Amino acid sequence: MSQPGNIWVYVVDDDSHVLRAFRRLLETVGYKVATYDSPVEFLASHDPTLPGCALLDVGMTELSGLETQEKLQALGDTRPIIFVTGHDDVKTGILAMKSGACDYLIKPVPEDVLLAAVETAVRMDLTAFQERIHVGELSQHWQSLTHREREVMEHVVRGRLNKQIAGDLNIVEKTVKVHRSRVMEKMCTRSVAGLVHIAEQLERSGLNLKSMTSRV
C-alpha cells in the first residue's frame, strides 16, 4: 500500500472525545486526518479527489451517518465509508452494509480493529483511484482518434474483419488497415483482445462509444 502519509482519513462524529482519540491513533501510524463534529461541514469542505476513507458516526443529530453517506453518493463521491456506532443496532448495520459501507464498528473500537478496517478501506480506494486515472488516460487516447478511426475501432471490437469493415464503411480494405494500425497505436495496444478490453473499460466508466461515434 502507498505510504499512509499520502492518505486522508476523514472522521465525522459529534463526540469531541472520539474525534481526538481517532485523530491521535490514526496520525500515530502516519495518516493525514481531518476531523469534523458536523457532517454538513464535512460535506461542504472535504476534498473528494484525495484518496482515503471516511469514518462516520451513525447516530449524529445534524445528519445521521447513513444520511451523510447518501449525500456523498448523490455528489458522486465513491469514497469508502466505515460506520462507527455506540449501539449495536442490527437493522442499522444491515442498512449500512447494503448501502455499500466497508465496515460497521461498535464503540469502543479496539485500536487494532479500527486500524485494520481503515487499511482495508484505503486499499479499496487506492485501487479505485488508480483505476480512475487509468480510465482517464484511456479516454484521452480515445478522444485523440479521428471520426473514421473511431468507426473502425467500433467495428474491430465487434469482431469484424477488415474486408467486412471496408464494406460497411464503403472504403477500400487498404484504408481500413491504415486506420486500424493508427487505432492500435493511439490506444497503446497491439492486439484485438487488448482493444476489446480497453473498450469494455471505457464503457464501464460510462462512455458510450457507439453513441459518441455516431454523434461526431
N, C-alpha and C. Protein backbone atom coordinates (compact mmCIF):
# COMPACT_ATOMS: atom_id res chain seq x y z
N MET A 1 0.84 -1.20 0.00
CA MET A 1 0.00 0.00 0.00
C MET A 1 0.88 1.24 0.00
N SER A 2 0.42 2.37 -0.58
CA SER A 2 1.15 3.61 -0.53
C SER A 2 1.36 4.04 0.91
N GLN A 3 2.33 4.90 1.11
CA GLN A 3 2.61 5.38 2.46
C GLN A 3 1.37 6.03 3.05
N PRO A 4 1.03 5.72 4.32
CA PRO A 4 -0.17 6.30 4.92
C PRO A 4 -0.20 7.81 4.86
N GLY A 5 0.99 8.45 4.89
CA GLY A 5 1.05 9.91 4.87
C GLY A 5 0.44 10.53 3.63
N ASN A 6 0.26 9.75 2.58
CA ASN A 6 -0.36 10.24 1.35
C ASN A 6 -1.87 10.06 1.36
N ILE A 7 -2.39 9.50 2.43
CA ILE A 7 -3.81 9.13 2.51
C ILE A 7 -4.52 9.96 3.56
N TRP A 8 -5.75 10.37 3.21
CA TRP A 8 -6.57 11.13 4.15
C TRP A 8 -7.66 10.25 4.75
N VAL A 9 -7.83 10.38 6.05
CA VAL A 9 -8.95 9.73 6.74
C VAL A 9 -9.80 10.85 7.34
N TYR A 10 -11.06 10.90 6.92
CA TYR A 10 -11.99 11.91 7.43
C TYR A 10 -12.83 11.28 8.53
N VAL A 11 -12.79 11.89 9.71
CA VAL A 11 -13.53 11.38 10.85
C VAL A 11 -14.66 12.35 11.16
N VAL A 12 -15.89 11.85 11.14
CA VAL A 12 -17.06 12.71 11.36
C VAL A 12 -17.85 12.15 12.53
N ASP A 13 -17.86 12.90 13.62
CA ASP A 13 -18.53 12.43 14.84
C ASP A 13 -18.82 13.65 15.70
N ASP A 14 -20.00 13.71 16.31
CA ASP A 14 -20.32 14.87 17.14
C ASP A 14 -19.85 14.71 18.58
N ASP A 15 -19.03 13.69 18.82
CA ASP A 15 -18.41 13.48 20.12
C ASP A 15 -16.94 13.89 20.03
N SER A 16 -16.59 15.00 20.69
CA SER A 16 -15.23 15.53 20.60
C SER A 16 -14.19 14.55 21.14
N HIS A 17 -14.56 13.73 22.12
CA HIS A 17 -13.61 12.76 22.67
C HIS A 17 -13.26 11.71 21.62
N VAL A 18 -14.24 11.28 20.87
CA VAL A 18 -14.00 10.29 19.80
C VAL A 18 -13.11 10.90 18.72
N LEU A 19 -13.38 12.15 18.36
CA LEU A 19 -12.56 12.81 17.34
C LEU A 19 -11.10 12.87 17.76
N ARG A 20 -10.86 13.25 19.00
CA ARG A 20 -9.47 13.36 19.47
C ARG A 20 -8.80 12.00 19.51
N ALA A 21 -9.52 10.99 20.00
CA ALA A 21 -8.93 9.65 20.12
C ALA A 21 -8.60 9.06 18.75
N PHE A 22 -9.53 9.19 17.81
CA PHE A 22 -9.30 8.65 16.47
C PHE A 22 -8.16 9.41 15.76
N ARG A 23 -8.15 10.72 15.91
CA ARG A 23 -7.07 11.51 15.28
C ARG A 23 -5.71 11.08 15.83
N ARG A 24 -5.61 10.97 17.14
CA ARG A 24 -4.34 10.60 17.75
C ARG A 24 -3.86 9.24 17.25
N LEU A 25 -4.77 8.27 17.20
CA LEU A 25 -4.39 6.93 16.77
C LEU A 25 -3.98 6.90 15.30
N LEU A 26 -4.78 7.52 14.46
CA LEU A 26 -4.53 7.47 13.02
C LEU A 26 -3.28 8.26 12.63
N GLU A 27 -3.06 9.39 13.28
CA GLU A 27 -1.85 10.16 12.99
C GLU A 27 -0.60 9.45 13.47
N THR A 28 -0.75 8.63 14.51
CA THR A 28 0.39 7.87 15.03
C THR A 28 0.97 6.94 13.97
N VAL A 29 0.11 6.37 13.13
CA VAL A 29 0.58 5.44 12.10
C VAL A 29 0.80 6.14 10.76
N GLY A 30 0.65 7.46 10.74
CA GLY A 30 1.06 8.22 9.56
C GLY A 30 -0.03 8.74 8.64
N TYR A 31 -1.30 8.49 8.96
CA TYR A 31 -2.36 9.02 8.10
C TYR A 31 -2.54 10.52 8.30
N LYS A 32 -2.97 11.20 7.25
CA LYS A 32 -3.44 12.57 7.41
C LYS A 32 -4.89 12.49 7.87
N VAL A 33 -5.25 13.27 8.86
CA VAL A 33 -6.58 13.15 9.46
C VAL A 33 -7.27 14.51 9.49
N ALA A 34 -8.51 14.52 9.05
CA ALA A 34 -9.35 15.72 9.17
C ALA A 34 -10.58 15.32 9.98
N THR A 35 -10.86 16.07 11.04
CA THR A 35 -11.99 15.73 11.90
C THR A 35 -13.08 16.80 11.80
N TYR A 36 -14.32 16.33 11.90
CA TYR A 36 -15.48 17.22 11.81
C TYR A 36 -16.50 16.80 12.86
N ASP A 37 -17.01 17.77 13.59
CA ASP A 37 -18.12 17.47 14.51
C ASP A 37 -19.45 17.75 13.84
N SER A 38 -19.39 18.19 12.57
CA SER A 38 -20.59 18.49 11.81
C SER A 38 -20.53 17.78 10.46
N PRO A 39 -21.48 16.88 10.17
CA PRO A 39 -21.49 16.22 8.86
C PRO A 39 -21.74 17.20 7.73
N VAL A 40 -22.49 18.28 7.99
CA VAL A 40 -22.73 19.29 6.96
C VAL A 40 -21.43 19.99 6.59
N GLU A 41 -20.63 20.31 7.60
CA GLU A 41 -19.33 20.93 7.34
C GLU A 41 -18.42 19.99 6.56
N PHE A 42 -18.45 18.71 6.94
CA PHE A 42 -17.65 17.71 6.23
C PHE A 42 -18.03 17.66 4.75
N LEU A 43 -19.32 17.59 4.47
CA LEU A 43 -19.80 17.50 3.10
C LEU A 43 -19.38 18.73 2.29
N ALA A 44 -19.34 19.88 2.96
CA ALA A 44 -19.04 21.13 2.26
C ALA A 44 -17.55 21.34 2.02
N SER A 45 -16.70 20.78 2.88
CA SER A 45 -15.29 21.16 2.82
C SER A 45 -14.30 20.05 2.51
N HIS A 46 -14.70 18.78 2.54
CA HIS A 46 -13.72 17.73 2.27
C HIS A 46 -13.41 17.68 0.77
N ASP A 47 -12.25 17.17 0.44
CA ASP A 47 -11.81 17.09 -0.96
C ASP A 47 -12.04 15.68 -1.49
N PRO A 48 -13.03 15.48 -2.36
CA PRO A 48 -13.35 14.12 -2.85
C PRO A 48 -12.29 13.55 -3.78
N THR A 49 -11.34 14.38 -4.23
CA THR A 49 -10.32 13.87 -5.14
C THR A 49 -9.14 13.24 -4.42
N LEU A 50 -9.04 13.45 -3.12
CA LEU A 50 -7.94 12.88 -2.35
C LEU A 50 -8.25 11.44 -1.96
N PRO A 51 -7.31 10.52 -2.15
CA PRO A 51 -7.56 9.12 -1.78
C PRO A 51 -7.64 8.95 -0.27
N GLY A 52 -8.47 8.01 0.15
CA GLY A 52 -8.61 7.74 1.58
C GLY A 52 -9.99 7.19 1.89
N CYS A 53 -10.43 7.37 3.12
CA CYS A 53 -11.74 6.86 3.52
C CYS A 53 -12.35 7.79 4.55
N ALA A 54 -13.58 7.50 4.93
CA ALA A 54 -14.28 8.31 5.93
C ALA A 54 -14.83 7.41 7.04
N LEU A 55 -14.68 7.88 8.27
CA LEU A 55 -15.28 7.22 9.43
C LEU A 55 -16.47 8.07 9.85
N LEU A 56 -17.66 7.50 9.73
CA LEU A 56 -18.87 8.26 10.04
C LEU A 56 -19.58 7.65 11.25
N ASP A 57 -19.89 8.50 12.21
CA ASP A 57 -20.72 8.06 13.34
C ASP A 57 -22.14 7.88 12.84
N VAL A 58 -22.78 6.82 13.25
CA VAL A 58 -24.14 6.54 12.79
C VAL A 58 -25.15 7.50 13.41
N GLY A 59 -24.99 7.78 14.71
CA GLY A 59 -26.05 8.46 15.45
C GLY A 59 -25.91 9.95 15.62
N MET A 60 -25.35 10.65 14.65
CA MET A 60 -25.23 12.10 14.77
C MET A 60 -26.60 12.76 14.64
N THR A 61 -26.78 13.91 15.30
CA THR A 61 -28.09 14.55 15.34
C THR A 61 -28.34 15.43 14.12
N GLU A 62 -27.30 16.11 13.63
CA GLU A 62 -27.47 17.02 12.49
C GLU A 62 -27.86 16.25 11.23
N LEU A 63 -27.10 15.22 10.95
CA LEU A 63 -27.38 14.25 9.88
C LEU A 63 -26.87 12.92 10.38
N SER A 64 -27.61 11.87 10.19
CA SER A 64 -27.12 10.56 10.61
C SER A 64 -25.99 10.13 9.67
N GLY A 65 -25.25 9.12 10.08
CA GLY A 65 -24.19 8.61 9.23
C GLY A 65 -24.72 8.11 7.90
N LEU A 66 -25.87 7.43 7.93
CA LEU A 66 -26.48 6.93 6.70
C LEU A 66 -26.91 8.07 5.78
N GLU A 67 -27.46 9.13 6.37
CA GLU A 67 -27.87 10.28 5.56
C GLU A 67 -26.65 10.97 4.95
N THR A 68 -25.58 11.04 5.72
CA THR A 68 -24.34 11.64 5.21
C THR A 68 -23.79 10.82 4.05
N GLN A 69 -23.83 9.49 4.18
CA GLN A 69 -23.38 8.62 3.11
C GLN A 69 -24.22 8.83 1.84
N GLU A 70 -25.54 8.95 2.01
CA GLU A 70 -26.43 9.16 0.88
C GLU A 70 -26.09 10.45 0.14
N LYS A 71 -25.78 11.50 0.90
CA LYS A 71 -25.44 12.78 0.29
C LYS A 71 -24.09 12.70 -0.44
N LEU A 72 -23.16 11.96 0.12
CA LEU A 72 -21.88 11.74 -0.56
C LEU A 72 -22.10 11.05 -1.89
N GLN A 73 -22.91 10.00 -1.87
CA GLN A 73 -23.18 9.25 -3.09
C GLN A 73 -23.90 10.11 -4.12
N ALA A 74 -24.80 10.98 -3.65
CA ALA A 74 -25.52 11.86 -4.57
C ALA A 74 -24.57 12.84 -5.24
N LEU A 75 -23.47 13.16 -4.55
CA LEU A 75 -22.46 14.06 -5.12
C LEU A 75 -21.48 13.32 -6.02
N GLY A 76 -21.66 12.01 -6.13
CA GLY A 76 -20.77 11.21 -6.96
C GLY A 76 -19.49 10.80 -6.27
N ASP A 77 -19.42 10.98 -4.95
CA ASP A 77 -18.23 10.61 -4.19
C ASP A 77 -18.32 9.14 -3.80
N THR A 78 -17.38 8.35 -4.28
CA THR A 78 -17.40 6.91 -4.01
C THR A 78 -16.41 6.52 -2.91
N ARG A 79 -16.02 7.48 -2.11
CA ARG A 79 -15.07 7.22 -1.03
C ARG A 79 -15.58 6.10 -0.11
N PRO A 80 -14.72 5.12 0.24
CA PRO A 80 -15.15 4.05 1.15
C PRO A 80 -15.56 4.61 2.51
N ILE A 81 -16.62 4.05 3.06
CA ILE A 81 -17.18 4.51 4.33
C ILE A 81 -17.08 3.41 5.38
N ILE A 82 -16.61 3.78 6.56
CA ILE A 82 -16.65 2.91 7.73
C ILE A 82 -17.59 3.56 8.73
N PHE A 83 -18.64 2.85 9.11
CA PHE A 83 -19.57 3.38 10.11
C PHE A 83 -19.13 2.97 11.50
N VAL A 84 -19.29 3.89 12.43
CA VAL A 84 -18.97 3.63 13.84
C VAL A 84 -20.21 4.01 14.65
N THR A 85 -20.58 3.15 15.59
CA THR A 85 -21.78 3.42 16.38
C THR A 85 -21.59 3.00 17.83
N GLY A 86 -22.31 3.67 18.69
CA GLY A 86 -22.28 3.31 20.10
C GLY A 86 -23.36 2.31 20.46
N HIS A 87 -24.19 1.94 19.51
CA HIS A 87 -25.29 1.00 19.76
C HIS A 87 -25.26 -0.12 18.72
N ASP A 88 -25.28 -1.33 19.17
CA ASP A 88 -25.23 -2.48 18.26
C ASP A 88 -26.63 -2.73 17.69
N ASP A 89 -27.00 -1.91 16.72
CA ASP A 89 -28.31 -1.98 16.08
C ASP A 89 -28.18 -2.82 14.81
N VAL A 90 -28.70 -4.03 14.85
CA VAL A 90 -28.56 -4.95 13.72
C VAL A 90 -29.20 -4.39 12.46
N LYS A 91 -30.39 -3.82 12.60
CA LYS A 91 -31.11 -3.29 11.44
C LYS A 91 -30.30 -2.19 10.76
N THR A 92 -29.75 -1.26 11.56
CA THR A 92 -28.95 -0.18 11.00
C THR A 92 -27.69 -0.72 10.36
N GLY A 93 -27.10 -1.73 11.02
CA GLY A 93 -25.89 -2.34 10.46
C GLY A 93 -26.15 -2.96 9.10
N ILE A 94 -27.27 -3.62 8.96
CA ILE A 94 -27.63 -4.24 7.68
C ILE A 94 -27.84 -3.17 6.61
N LEU A 95 -28.54 -2.09 6.99
CA LEU A 95 -28.77 -0.99 6.05
C LEU A 95 -27.45 -0.37 5.60
N ALA A 96 -26.54 -0.21 6.56
CA ALA A 96 -25.24 0.39 6.24
C ALA A 96 -24.47 -0.46 5.24
N MET A 97 -24.43 -1.76 5.48
CA MET A 97 -23.67 -2.65 4.60
C MET A 97 -24.34 -2.74 3.23
N LYS A 98 -25.67 -2.72 3.20
CA LYS A 98 -26.38 -2.75 1.92
C LYS A 98 -26.14 -1.47 1.12
N SER A 99 -25.86 -0.39 1.84
CA SER A 99 -25.60 0.89 1.18
C SER A 99 -24.17 1.00 0.69
N GLY A 100 -23.37 -0.04 0.94
CA GLY A 100 -22.01 -0.06 0.42
C GLY A 100 -20.93 0.27 1.42
N ALA A 101 -21.26 0.26 2.71
CA ALA A 101 -20.24 0.54 3.72
C ALA A 101 -19.17 -0.56 3.72
N CYS A 102 -17.94 -0.16 4.02
CA CYS A 102 -16.84 -1.13 4.10
C CYS A 102 -16.89 -1.93 5.40
N ASP A 103 -17.33 -1.26 6.46
CA ASP A 103 -17.36 -1.92 7.76
C ASP A 103 -18.33 -1.21 8.68
N TYR A 104 -18.68 -1.90 9.77
CA TYR A 104 -19.63 -1.36 10.74
C TYR A 104 -19.09 -1.74 12.11
N LEU A 105 -18.54 -0.74 12.81
CA LEU A 105 -17.81 -0.99 14.05
C LEU A 105 -18.58 -0.46 15.26
N ILE A 106 -18.48 -1.21 16.35
CA ILE A 106 -19.17 -0.85 17.59
C ILE A 106 -18.19 -0.21 18.56
N LYS A 107 -18.55 0.97 19.11
CA LYS A 107 -17.74 1.64 20.11
C LYS A 107 -17.86 0.91 21.44
N PRO A 108 -16.80 0.91 22.24
CA PRO A 108 -15.45 1.39 21.91
C PRO A 108 -14.75 0.44 20.96
N VAL A 109 -14.12 1.00 19.94
CA VAL A 109 -13.48 0.19 18.91
C VAL A 109 -12.04 -0.09 19.31
N PRO A 110 -11.64 -1.37 19.43
CA PRO A 110 -10.23 -1.68 19.71
C PRO A 110 -9.33 -1.06 18.65
N GLU A 111 -8.16 -0.59 19.05
CA GLU A 111 -7.28 0.10 18.12
C GLU A 111 -6.91 -0.76 16.92
N ASP A 112 -6.60 -2.03 17.17
CA ASP A 112 -6.18 -2.89 16.05
C ASP A 112 -7.33 -3.12 15.07
N VAL A 113 -8.56 -3.18 15.58
CA VAL A 113 -9.72 -3.37 14.73
C VAL A 113 -9.95 -2.13 13.85
N LEU A 114 -9.83 -0.96 14.46
CA LEU A 114 -10.02 0.28 13.72
C LEU A 114 -8.97 0.42 12.62
N LEU A 115 -7.71 0.18 12.99
CA LEU A 115 -6.63 0.33 12.01
C LEU A 115 -6.75 -0.67 10.87
N ALA A 116 -7.18 -1.88 11.19
CA ALA A 116 -7.37 -2.90 10.14
C ALA A 116 -8.49 -2.49 9.20
N ALA A 117 -9.57 -1.95 9.75
CA ALA A 117 -10.71 -1.52 8.92
C ALA A 117 -10.30 -0.36 8.01
N VAL A 118 -9.54 0.58 8.55
CA VAL A 118 -9.09 1.73 7.76
C VAL A 118 -8.15 1.26 6.65
N GLU A 119 -7.25 0.36 6.97
CA GLU A 119 -6.31 -0.12 5.95
C GLU A 119 -7.06 -0.81 4.80
N THR A 120 -8.05 -1.61 5.13
CA THR A 120 -8.85 -2.29 4.10
C THR A 120 -9.57 -1.27 3.23
N ALA A 121 -10.18 -0.26 3.85
CA ALA A 121 -10.90 0.76 3.10
C ALA A 121 -9.96 1.56 2.21
N VAL A 122 -8.79 1.87 2.74
CA VAL A 122 -7.81 2.64 1.98
C VAL A 122 -7.32 1.85 0.77
N ARG A 123 -7.08 0.57 0.97
CA ARG A 123 -6.65 -0.27 -0.16
C ARG A 123 -7.71 -0.25 -1.27
N MET A 124 -8.96 -0.33 -0.88
CA MET A 124 -10.05 -0.29 -1.85
C MET A 124 -10.04 1.02 -2.62
N ASP A 125 -9.86 2.12 -1.89
CA ASP A 125 -9.92 3.42 -2.55
C ASP A 125 -8.71 3.65 -3.43
N LEU A 126 -7.53 3.18 -3.02
CA LEU A 126 -6.34 3.34 -3.85
C LEU A 126 -6.49 2.57 -5.16
N THR A 127 -7.08 1.38 -5.08
CA THR A 127 -7.33 0.60 -6.29
C THR A 127 -8.27 1.35 -7.23
N ALA A 128 -9.36 1.88 -6.66
CA ALA A 128 -10.33 2.63 -7.45
C ALA A 128 -9.71 3.92 -7.99
N PHE A 129 -8.85 4.55 -7.18
CA PHE A 129 -8.18 5.80 -7.56
C PHE A 129 -7.28 5.56 -8.77
N GLN A 130 -6.49 4.50 -8.72
CA GLN A 130 -5.62 4.17 -9.84
C GLN A 130 -6.42 3.80 -11.08
N GLU A 131 -7.55 3.12 -10.87
CA GLU A 131 -8.41 2.76 -11.99
C GLU A 131 -8.98 4.00 -12.66
N ARG A 132 -9.37 5.00 -11.86
CA ARG A 132 -9.90 6.24 -12.42
C ARG A 132 -8.84 6.96 -13.25
N ILE A 133 -7.61 6.97 -12.75
CA ILE A 133 -6.51 7.59 -13.50
C ILE A 133 -6.30 6.86 -14.82
N HIS A 134 -6.28 5.53 -14.75
CA HIS A 134 -6.06 4.72 -15.95
C HIS A 134 -7.16 4.93 -16.98
N VAL A 135 -8.40 4.92 -16.53
CA VAL A 135 -9.52 5.11 -17.45
C VAL A 135 -9.49 6.52 -18.04
N GLY A 136 -9.07 7.48 -17.24
CA GLY A 136 -8.94 8.85 -17.75
C GLY A 136 -7.93 8.93 -18.89
N GLU A 137 -6.83 8.20 -18.74
CA GLU A 137 -5.81 8.16 -19.80
C GLU A 137 -6.37 7.48 -21.04
N LEU A 138 -7.10 6.38 -20.85
CA LEU A 138 -7.70 5.68 -21.99
C LEU A 138 -8.69 6.59 -22.71
N SER A 139 -9.46 7.35 -21.95
CA SER A 139 -10.43 8.26 -22.54
C SER A 139 -9.73 9.33 -23.39
N GLN A 140 -8.58 9.82 -22.90
CA GLN A 140 -7.82 10.80 -23.66
C GLN A 140 -7.31 10.20 -24.97
N HIS A 141 -6.86 8.93 -24.89
CA HIS A 141 -6.41 8.25 -26.11
C HIS A 141 -7.57 8.16 -27.11
N TRP A 142 -8.73 7.77 -26.60
CA TRP A 142 -9.89 7.62 -27.47
C TRP A 142 -10.29 8.96 -28.09
N GLN A 143 -10.22 10.03 -27.29
CA GLN A 143 -10.56 11.35 -27.80
C GLN A 143 -9.62 11.78 -28.91
N SER A 144 -8.41 11.23 -28.93
CA SER A 144 -7.44 11.61 -29.95
C SER A 144 -7.72 10.94 -31.31
N LEU A 145 -8.60 9.95 -31.32
CA LEU A 145 -8.94 9.27 -32.57
C LEU A 145 -9.78 10.18 -33.47
N THR A 146 -9.58 10.05 -34.76
CA THR A 146 -10.45 10.75 -35.71
C THR A 146 -11.81 10.04 -35.76
N HIS A 147 -12.76 10.69 -36.38
CA HIS A 147 -14.09 10.08 -36.51
C HIS A 147 -14.00 8.73 -37.21
N ARG A 148 -13.24 8.67 -38.30
CA ARG A 148 -13.12 7.42 -39.04
C ARG A 148 -12.42 6.35 -38.20
N GLU A 149 -11.40 6.74 -37.46
CA GLU A 149 -10.69 5.78 -36.61
C GLU A 149 -11.61 5.23 -35.52
N ARG A 150 -12.49 6.06 -35.00
CA ARG A 150 -13.44 5.59 -34.00
C ARG A 150 -14.42 4.59 -34.62
N GLU A 151 -14.83 4.87 -35.85
CA GLU A 151 -15.72 3.94 -36.53
C GLU A 151 -15.03 2.59 -36.73
N VAL A 152 -13.78 2.63 -37.16
CA VAL A 152 -13.03 1.39 -37.38
C VAL A 152 -12.85 0.65 -36.07
N MET A 153 -12.53 1.36 -35.00
CA MET A 153 -12.36 0.73 -33.71
C MET A 153 -13.65 0.04 -33.27
N GLU A 154 -14.77 0.72 -33.46
CA GLU A 154 -16.06 0.13 -33.09
C GLU A 154 -16.29 -1.19 -33.81
N HIS A 155 -15.95 -1.24 -35.08
CA HIS A 155 -16.13 -2.46 -35.86
C HIS A 155 -15.14 -3.54 -35.45
N VAL A 156 -13.91 -3.14 -35.16
CA VAL A 156 -12.88 -4.11 -34.77
C VAL A 156 -13.27 -4.81 -33.48
N VAL A 157 -13.73 -4.05 -32.49
CA VAL A 157 -14.06 -4.67 -31.20
C VAL A 157 -15.31 -5.54 -31.31
N ARG A 158 -16.08 -5.37 -32.38
CA ARG A 158 -17.23 -6.25 -32.62
C ARG A 158 -16.82 -7.51 -33.35
N GLY A 159 -15.52 -7.62 -33.67
CA GLY A 159 -15.03 -8.83 -34.32
C GLY A 159 -15.13 -8.83 -35.82
N ARG A 160 -15.36 -7.67 -36.41
CA ARG A 160 -15.48 -7.59 -37.85
C ARG A 160 -14.11 -7.69 -38.51
N LEU A 161 -14.03 -8.36 -39.66
CA LEU A 161 -12.80 -8.48 -40.42
C LEU A 161 -12.59 -7.22 -41.27
N ASN A 162 -11.34 -6.99 -41.70
CA ASN A 162 -11.03 -5.80 -42.49
C ASN A 162 -11.93 -5.68 -43.71
N LYS A 163 -12.16 -6.80 -44.39
CA LYS A 163 -12.99 -6.79 -45.60
C LYS A 163 -14.42 -6.39 -45.27
N GLN A 164 -14.91 -6.90 -44.15
CA GLN A 164 -16.29 -6.57 -43.74
C GLN A 164 -16.40 -5.10 -43.36
N ILE A 165 -15.37 -4.60 -42.65
CA ILE A 165 -15.36 -3.19 -42.23
C ILE A 165 -15.35 -2.29 -43.46
N ALA A 166 -14.53 -2.67 -44.44
CA ALA A 166 -14.45 -1.88 -45.67
C ALA A 166 -15.82 -1.79 -46.34
N GLY A 167 -16.53 -2.91 -46.38
CA GLY A 167 -17.85 -2.91 -46.98
C GLY A 167 -18.84 -2.08 -46.19
N ASP A 168 -18.77 -2.20 -44.86
CA ASP A 168 -19.70 -1.44 -44.01
C ASP A 168 -19.48 0.06 -44.14
N LEU A 169 -18.22 0.47 -44.23
CA LEU A 169 -17.89 1.91 -44.24
C LEU A 169 -17.72 2.45 -45.66
N ASN A 170 -17.85 1.57 -46.64
CA ASN A 170 -17.73 1.98 -48.04
C ASN A 170 -16.36 2.59 -48.34
N ILE A 171 -15.32 1.92 -47.85
CA ILE A 171 -13.95 2.33 -48.15
C ILE A 171 -13.17 1.09 -48.56
N VAL A 172 -11.96 1.29 -49.08
CA VAL A 172 -11.18 0.14 -49.53
C VAL A 172 -10.50 -0.52 -48.34
N GLU A 173 -10.20 -1.81 -48.50
CA GLU A 173 -9.62 -2.58 -47.40
C GLU A 173 -8.26 -2.02 -46.96
N LYS A 174 -7.49 -1.52 -47.91
CA LYS A 174 -6.18 -0.96 -47.58
C LYS A 174 -6.32 0.22 -46.61
N THR A 175 -7.35 1.02 -46.83
CA THR A 175 -7.60 2.17 -45.95
C THR A 175 -7.99 1.70 -44.55
N VAL A 176 -8.77 0.63 -44.48
CA VAL A 176 -9.15 0.06 -43.19
C VAL A 176 -7.89 -0.34 -42.42
N LYS A 177 -6.95 -0.98 -43.11
CA LYS A 177 -5.72 -1.43 -42.46
C LYS A 177 -4.94 -0.26 -41.89
N VAL A 178 -4.91 0.85 -42.65
CA VAL A 178 -4.20 2.04 -42.18
C VAL A 178 -4.86 2.60 -40.92
N HIS A 179 -6.19 2.74 -40.97
CA HIS A 179 -6.91 3.26 -39.81
C HIS A 179 -6.77 2.32 -38.62
N ARG A 180 -6.84 1.03 -38.87
CA ARG A 180 -6.73 0.04 -37.80
C ARG A 180 -5.37 0.13 -37.13
N SER A 181 -4.33 0.31 -37.90
CA SER A 181 -2.98 0.43 -37.35
C SER A 181 -2.86 1.68 -36.49
N ARG A 182 -3.46 2.77 -36.95
CA ARG A 182 -3.41 4.03 -36.19
C ARG A 182 -4.20 3.91 -34.89
N VAL A 183 -5.33 3.20 -34.93
CA VAL A 183 -6.12 2.98 -33.72
C VAL A 183 -5.30 2.22 -32.68
N MET A 184 -4.64 1.16 -33.12
CA MET A 184 -3.82 0.36 -32.21
C MET A 184 -2.71 1.21 -31.60
N GLU A 185 -2.10 2.05 -32.43
CA GLU A 185 -1.00 2.90 -31.95
C GLU A 185 -1.50 3.93 -30.95
N LYS A 186 -2.60 4.61 -31.28
CA LYS A 186 -3.11 5.66 -30.39
C LYS A 186 -3.68 5.09 -29.10
N MET A 187 -4.27 3.90 -29.16
CA MET A 187 -4.84 3.29 -27.97
C MET A 187 -3.81 2.48 -27.19
N CYS A 188 -2.57 2.46 -27.69
CA CYS A 188 -1.44 1.83 -26.99
C CYS A 188 -1.68 0.33 -26.73
N THR A 189 -2.11 -0.37 -27.75
CA THR A 189 -2.29 -1.81 -27.64
C THR A 189 -1.86 -2.47 -28.94
N ARG A 190 -1.51 -3.75 -28.87
CA ARG A 190 -1.02 -4.46 -30.05
C ARG A 190 -1.96 -5.58 -30.49
N SER A 191 -3.02 -5.79 -29.75
CA SER A 191 -3.89 -6.92 -30.08
C SER A 191 -5.35 -6.50 -30.06
N VAL A 192 -6.16 -7.26 -30.79
CA VAL A 192 -7.61 -7.02 -30.78
C VAL A 192 -8.16 -7.27 -29.39
N ALA A 193 -7.66 -8.30 -28.72
CA ALA A 193 -8.12 -8.60 -27.35
C ALA A 193 -7.87 -7.41 -26.43
N GLY A 194 -6.69 -6.79 -26.59
CA GLY A 194 -6.38 -5.61 -25.78
C GLY A 194 -7.31 -4.46 -26.09
N LEU A 195 -7.64 -4.29 -27.37
CA LEU A 195 -8.54 -3.21 -27.76
C LEU A 195 -9.95 -3.46 -27.23
N VAL A 196 -10.38 -4.71 -27.25
CA VAL A 196 -11.69 -5.06 -26.70
C VAL A 196 -11.73 -4.76 -25.21
N HIS A 197 -10.66 -5.10 -24.50
CA HIS A 197 -10.60 -4.83 -23.06
C HIS A 197 -10.67 -3.33 -22.78
N ILE A 198 -9.96 -2.54 -23.59
CA ILE A 198 -9.99 -1.09 -23.43
C ILE A 198 -11.40 -0.56 -23.65
N ALA A 199 -12.05 -1.05 -24.70
CA ALA A 199 -13.42 -0.60 -24.99
C ALA A 199 -14.36 -0.94 -23.83
N GLU A 200 -14.18 -2.12 -23.25
CA GLU A 200 -15.02 -2.52 -22.12
C GLU A 200 -14.79 -1.61 -20.92
N GLN A 201 -13.52 -1.25 -20.66
CA GLN A 201 -13.22 -0.35 -19.56
C GLN A 201 -13.86 1.01 -19.77
N LEU A 202 -13.79 1.52 -20.98
CA LEU A 202 -14.39 2.81 -21.28
C LEU A 202 -15.91 2.77 -21.15
N GLU A 203 -16.51 1.69 -21.61
CA GLU A 203 -17.96 1.54 -21.49
C GLU A 203 -18.38 1.47 -20.03
N ARG A 204 -17.61 0.74 -19.20
CA ARG A 204 -17.93 0.64 -17.77
C ARG A 204 -17.82 1.99 -17.08
N SER A 205 -16.96 2.85 -17.60
CA SER A 205 -16.78 4.18 -17.00
C SER A 205 -17.92 5.12 -17.36
N GLY A 206 -18.81 4.67 -18.28
CA GLY A 206 -19.96 5.48 -18.66
C GLY A 206 -19.86 6.09 -20.04
N LEU A 207 -18.77 5.82 -20.76
CA LEU A 207 -18.62 6.36 -22.11
C LEU A 207 -19.26 5.42 -23.12
N ASN A 208 -20.29 5.89 -23.78
CA ASN A 208 -20.98 5.10 -24.80
C ASN A 208 -20.27 5.30 -26.12
N LEU A 209 -19.37 4.39 -26.48
CA LEU A 209 -18.54 4.57 -27.65
C LEU A 209 -19.36 4.64 -28.93
N LYS A 210 -20.36 3.78 -29.04
CA LYS A 210 -21.18 3.77 -30.25
C LYS A 210 -21.94 5.07 -30.41
N SER A 211 -22.52 5.56 -29.31
CA SER A 211 -23.27 6.80 -29.35
C SER A 211 -22.37 7.98 -29.69
N MET A 212 -21.18 7.99 -29.06
CA MET A 212 -20.25 9.09 -29.30
C MET A 212 -19.77 9.08 -30.74
N THR A 213 -19.56 7.89 -31.30
CA THR A 213 -19.11 7.79 -32.68
C THR A 213 -20.15 8.33 -33.64
N SER A 214 -21.41 8.00 -33.38
CA SER A 214 -22.48 8.42 -34.29
C SER A 214 -22.72 9.91 -34.22
N ARG A 215 -22.35 10.57 -33.09
CA ARG A 215 -22.61 12.00 -32.95
C ARG A 215 -21.50 12.84 -33.54
N VAL A 216 -20.28 12.25 -33.63
CA VAL A 216 -19.14 13.06 -34.06
C VAL A 216 -19.27 13.44 -35.52
